[in-house]
C-alpha atoms as a PDB file:
ATOM      1  CA  VAL A   1     135.976 -10.635  80.368  1.00  0.00           C
ATOM      2  CA  GLN A   2     139.170 -11.194  82.324  1.00  0.00           C
ATOM      3  CA  LEU A   3     140.705 -14.116  84.155  1.00  0.00           C
ATOM      4  CA  GLN A   4     143.540 -13.421  86.559  1.00  0.00           C
ATOM      5  CA  ALA A   5     145.530 -16.408  87.774  1.00  0.00           C
ATOM      6  CA  SER A   6     147.710 -16.191  90.850  1.00  0.00           C
ATOM      7  CA  GLY A   7     149.330 -18.297  93.542  1.00  0.00           C
ATOM      8  CA  GLY A   8     152.224 -19.828  91.686  1.00  0.00           C
ATOM      9  CA  GLY A   9     155.713 -19.988  93.096  1.00  0.00           C
ATOM     10  CA  LEU A  10     158.649 -22.158  94.009  1.00  0.00           C
ATOM     11  CA  VAL A  11     158.011 -25.157  96.236  1.00  0.00           C
ATOM     12  CA  GLN A  12     159.919 -28.280  97.163  1.00  0.00           C
ATOM     13  CA  ALA A  13     158.740 -31.688  96.069  1.00  0.00           C
ATOM     14  CA  GLY A  14     156.033 -32.922  98.391  1.00  0.00           C
ATOM     15  CA  GLY A  15     154.845 -29.411  99.115  1.00  0.00           C
ATOM     16  CA  SER A  16     151.553 -27.689  98.354  1.00  0.00           C
ATOM     17  CA  LEU A  17     150.303 -24.619  96.543  1.00  0.00           C
ATOM     18  CA  ARG A  18     146.863 -23.215  95.902  1.00  0.00           C
ATOM     19  CA  LEU A  19     146.236 -21.401  92.677  1.00  0.00           C
ATOM     20  CA  SER A  20     143.411 -18.926  92.288  1.00  0.00           C
ATOM     21  CA  CYS A  21     141.721 -17.582  89.200  1.00  0.00           C
ATOM     22  CA  ALA A  22     139.635 -14.461  89.662  1.00  0.00           C
ATOM     23  CA  ALA A  23     137.074 -13.858  86.961  1.00  0.00           C
ATOM     24  CA  SER A  24     135.614 -10.489  86.109  1.00  0.00           C
ATOM     25  CA  GLY A  25     133.417  -9.017  83.437  1.00  0.00           C
ATOM     26  CA  ARG A  26     130.588 -11.481  83.805  1.00  0.00           C
ATOM     27  CA  THR A  27     129.280 -14.155  86.139  1.00  0.00           C
ATOM     28  CA  PHE A  28     130.736 -17.568  85.465  1.00  0.00           C
ATOM     29  CA  ARG A  29     128.567 -19.703  87.701  1.00  0.00           C
ATOM     30  CA  SER A  30     126.790 -21.210  84.683  1.00  0.00           C
ATOM     31  CA  TYR A  31     129.942 -22.249  82.851  1.00  0.00           C
ATOM     32  CA  ALA A  32     132.604 -24.895  83.047  1.00  0.00           C
ATOM     33  CA  MET A  33     136.065 -23.751  84.043  1.00  0.00           C
ATOM     34  CA  GLY A  34     139.354 -25.508  83.713  1.00  0.00           C
ATOM     35  CA  TRP A  35     143.042 -25.545  84.470  1.00  0.00           C
ATOM     36  CA  PHE A  36     145.728 -26.318  81.937  1.00  0.00           C
ATOM     37  CA  ARG A  37     149.498 -26.264  82.175  1.00  0.00           C
ATOM     38  CA  GLN A  38     152.387 -25.892  79.811  1.00  0.00           C
ATOM     39  CA  ALA A  39     155.899 -27.008  80.592  1.00  0.00           C
ATOM     40  CA  PRO A  40     158.899 -25.657  78.660  1.00  0.00           C
ATOM     41  CA  GLY A  41     159.084 -27.229  75.234  1.00  0.00           C
ATOM     42  CA  LYS A  42     155.773 -29.034  75.638  1.00  0.00           C
ATOM     43  CA  GLU A  43     152.231 -28.472  74.497  1.00  0.00           C
ATOM     44  CA  ARG A  44     149.542 -27.142  76.757  1.00  0.00           C
ATOM     45  CA  GLU A  45     147.883 -30.008  78.596  1.00  0.00           C
ATOM     46  CA  PHE A  46     144.665 -30.487  80.514  1.00  0.00           C
ATOM     47  CA  VAL A  47     144.972 -30.597  84.307  1.00  0.00           C
ATOM     48  CA  GLY A  48     141.386 -30.536  85.458  1.00  0.00           C
ATOM     49  CA  ALA A  49     138.013 -28.895  85.103  1.00  0.00           C
ATOM     50  CA  ILE A  50     134.846 -28.238  87.011  1.00  0.00           C
ATOM     51  CA  SER A  51     131.393 -28.080  85.473  1.00  0.00           C
ATOM     52  CA  TRP A  52     128.761 -25.498  86.281  1.00  0.00           C
ATOM     53  CA  SER A  53     127.197 -28.068  88.628  1.00  0.00           C
ATOM     54  CA  GLY A  54     130.447 -28.762  90.462  1.00  0.00           C
ATOM     55  CA  ARG A  55     131.421 -32.053  88.833  1.00  0.00           C
ATOM     56  CA  THR A  56     135.177 -32.338  88.573  1.00  0.00           C
ATOM     57  CA  TYR A  57     137.476 -33.959  86.042  1.00  0.00           C
ATOM     58  CA  TYR A  58     141.213 -34.581  86.308  1.00  0.00           C
ATOM     59  CA  THR A  59     144.013 -35.874  84.214  1.00  0.00           C
ATOM     60  CA  ASP A  60     145.357 -39.153  85.578  1.00  0.00           C
ATOM     61  CA  SER A  61     148.702 -37.762  86.683  1.00  0.00           C
ATOM     62  CA  VAL A  62     147.117 -35.392  89.220  1.00  0.00           C
ATOM     63  CA  LYS A  63     144.233 -37.497  90.524  1.00  0.00           C
ATOM     64  CA  GLY A  64     144.398 -37.786  94.292  1.00  0.00           C
ATOM     65  CA  ARG A  65     146.810 -34.850  94.542  1.00  0.00           C
ATOM     66  CA  PHE A  66     145.004 -31.891  92.967  1.00  0.00           C
ATOM     67  CA  THR A  67     141.539 -30.585  93.788  1.00  0.00           C
ATOM     68  CA  ILE A  68     139.525 -28.083  91.797  1.00  0.00           C
ATOM     69  CA  SER A  69     136.855 -25.983  93.423  1.00  0.00           C
ATOM     70  CA  ARG A  70     134.969 -22.810  92.710  1.00  0.00           C
ATOM     71  CA  ASP A  71     133.369 -20.039  94.720  1.00  0.00           C
ATOM     72  CA  ASN A  72     130.559 -18.773  92.559  1.00  0.00           C
ATOM     73  CA  ALA A  73     129.724 -15.949  94.952  1.00  0.00           C
ATOM     74  CA  LYS A  74     133.239 -14.566  94.528  1.00  0.00           C
ATOM     75  CA  ASN A  75     133.686 -15.634  90.904  1.00  0.00           C
ATOM     76  CA  VAL A  76     136.897 -17.454  91.793  1.00  0.00           C
ATOM     77  CA  LEU A  77     138.268 -20.791  90.638  1.00  0.00           C
ATOM     78  CA  TYR A  78     140.819 -22.676  92.730  1.00  0.00           C
ATOM     79  CA  LEU A  79     143.346 -25.420  92.204  1.00  0.00           C
ATOM     80  CA  GLN A  80     144.680 -26.982  95.389  1.00  0.00           C
ATOM     81  CA  MET A  81     147.874 -28.867  94.588  1.00  0.00           C
ATOM     82  CA  ASN A  82     149.310 -31.273  97.151  1.00  0.00           C
ATOM     83  CA  ASN A  83     152.260 -33.628  97.070  1.00  0.00           C
ATOM     84  CA  LEU A  84     153.776 -31.676  94.220  1.00  0.00           C
ATOM     85  CA  LYS A  85     156.352 -33.345  92.001  1.00  0.00           C
ATOM     86  CA  PRO A  86     159.088 -31.844  89.812  1.00  0.00           C
ATOM     87  CA  GLU A  87     157.114 -32.941  86.743  1.00  0.00           C
ATOM     88  CA  ASP A  88     154.312 -30.594  87.824  1.00  0.00           C
ATOM     89  CA  THR A  89     156.571 -27.659  86.981  1.00  0.00           C
ATOM     90  CA  ALA A  90     154.801 -25.549  84.378  1.00  0.00           C
ATOM     91  CA  VAL A  91     152.903 -22.377  83.727  1.00  0.00           C
ATOM     92  CA  TYR A  92     149.337 -22.966  84.851  1.00  0.00           C
ATOM     93  CA  TYR A  93     146.437 -21.359  83.026  1.00  0.00           C
ATOM     94  CA  CYS A  94     142.798 -21.045  83.959  1.00  0.00           C
ATOM     95  CA  ALA A  95     140.076 -20.858  81.359  1.00  0.00           C
ATOM     96  CA  VAL A  96     136.311 -20.668  80.969  1.00  0.00           C
ATOM     97  CA  ALA A  97     134.117 -22.471  78.456  1.00  0.00           C
ATOM     98  CA  LEU A  98     130.996 -20.536  77.489  1.00  0.00           C
ATOM     99  CA  ARG A  99     129.640 -22.891  74.857  1.00  0.00           C
ATOM    100  CA  GLY A 100     130.100 -26.329  76.373  1.00  0.00           C
ATOM    101  CA  GLY A 101     131.998 -29.183  74.814  1.00  0.00           C
ATOM    102  CA  ASN A 102     134.724 -31.600  75.776  1.00  0.00           C
ATOM    103  CA  MET A 103     136.420 -30.034  78.775  1.00  0.00           C
ATOM    104  CA  TYR A 104     139.640 -31.937  78.112  1.00  0.00           C
ATOM    105  CA  PHE A 105     140.355 -29.939  74.949  1.00  0.00           C
ATOM    106  CA  PRO A 106     141.805 -26.409  75.086  1.00  0.00           C
ATOM    107  CA  THR A 107     139.787 -25.454  72.016  1.00  0.00           C
ATOM    108  CA  THR A 108     136.615 -25.790  74.106  1.00  0.00           C
ATOM    109  CA  TYR A 109     137.589 -22.762  76.172  1.00  0.00           C
ATOM    110  CA  ASP A 110     136.803 -19.205  75.183  1.00  0.00           C
ATOM    111  CA  TYR A 111     138.775 -17.063  77.615  1.00  0.00           C
ATOM    112  CA  TRP A 112     142.128 -17.668  79.258  1.00  0.00           C
ATOM    113  CA  GLY A 113     144.061 -16.195  82.131  1.00  0.00           C
ATOM    114  CA  GLN A 114     147.628 -15.025  81.735  1.00  0.00           C
ATOM    115  CA  GLY A 115     149.187 -17.989  83.532  1.00  0.00           C
ATOM    116  CA  THR A 116     151.068 -18.405  86.776  1.00  0.00           C
ATOM    117  CA  LEU A 117     154.376 -20.232  87.076  1.00  0.00           C
ATOM    118  CA  VAL A 118     154.720 -23.223  89.368  1.00  0.00           C
ATOM    119  CA  THR A 119     158.223 -24.548  89.946  1.00  0.00           C
ATOM    120  CA  VAL A 120     158.757 -27.710  91.965  1.00  0.00           C
ATOM    121  CA  SER A 121     162.312 -28.457  93.043  1.00  0.00           C
ATOM    122  CA  SER A 122     163.527 -31.957  93.771  1.00  0.00           C
END
């Protein structure tokens, strides 16, 4: 099982990026998938998640700006990030939860991507 995150980069405040997470090794359509981020010197934090049925969950700081979606046919998870702020700067990780559980907790997730760096300049 592998998750490959991509799409990070340097963007000015107010700009947009779309992250992708390509999954391989098995079909993930039946599982919840999530995005987390970790800023320098901080713990990994929940950004958002999408259930197997397509229900989405977001942390308050990104609601209205970030959108999670998935393409089950392609086995790809997306994170559309709009109106980016300097405080969004972090390494972003995608993950998949095979067993269910609280999607807000990183311990719920079984496999993780390698992370992609997002830097937002002011």
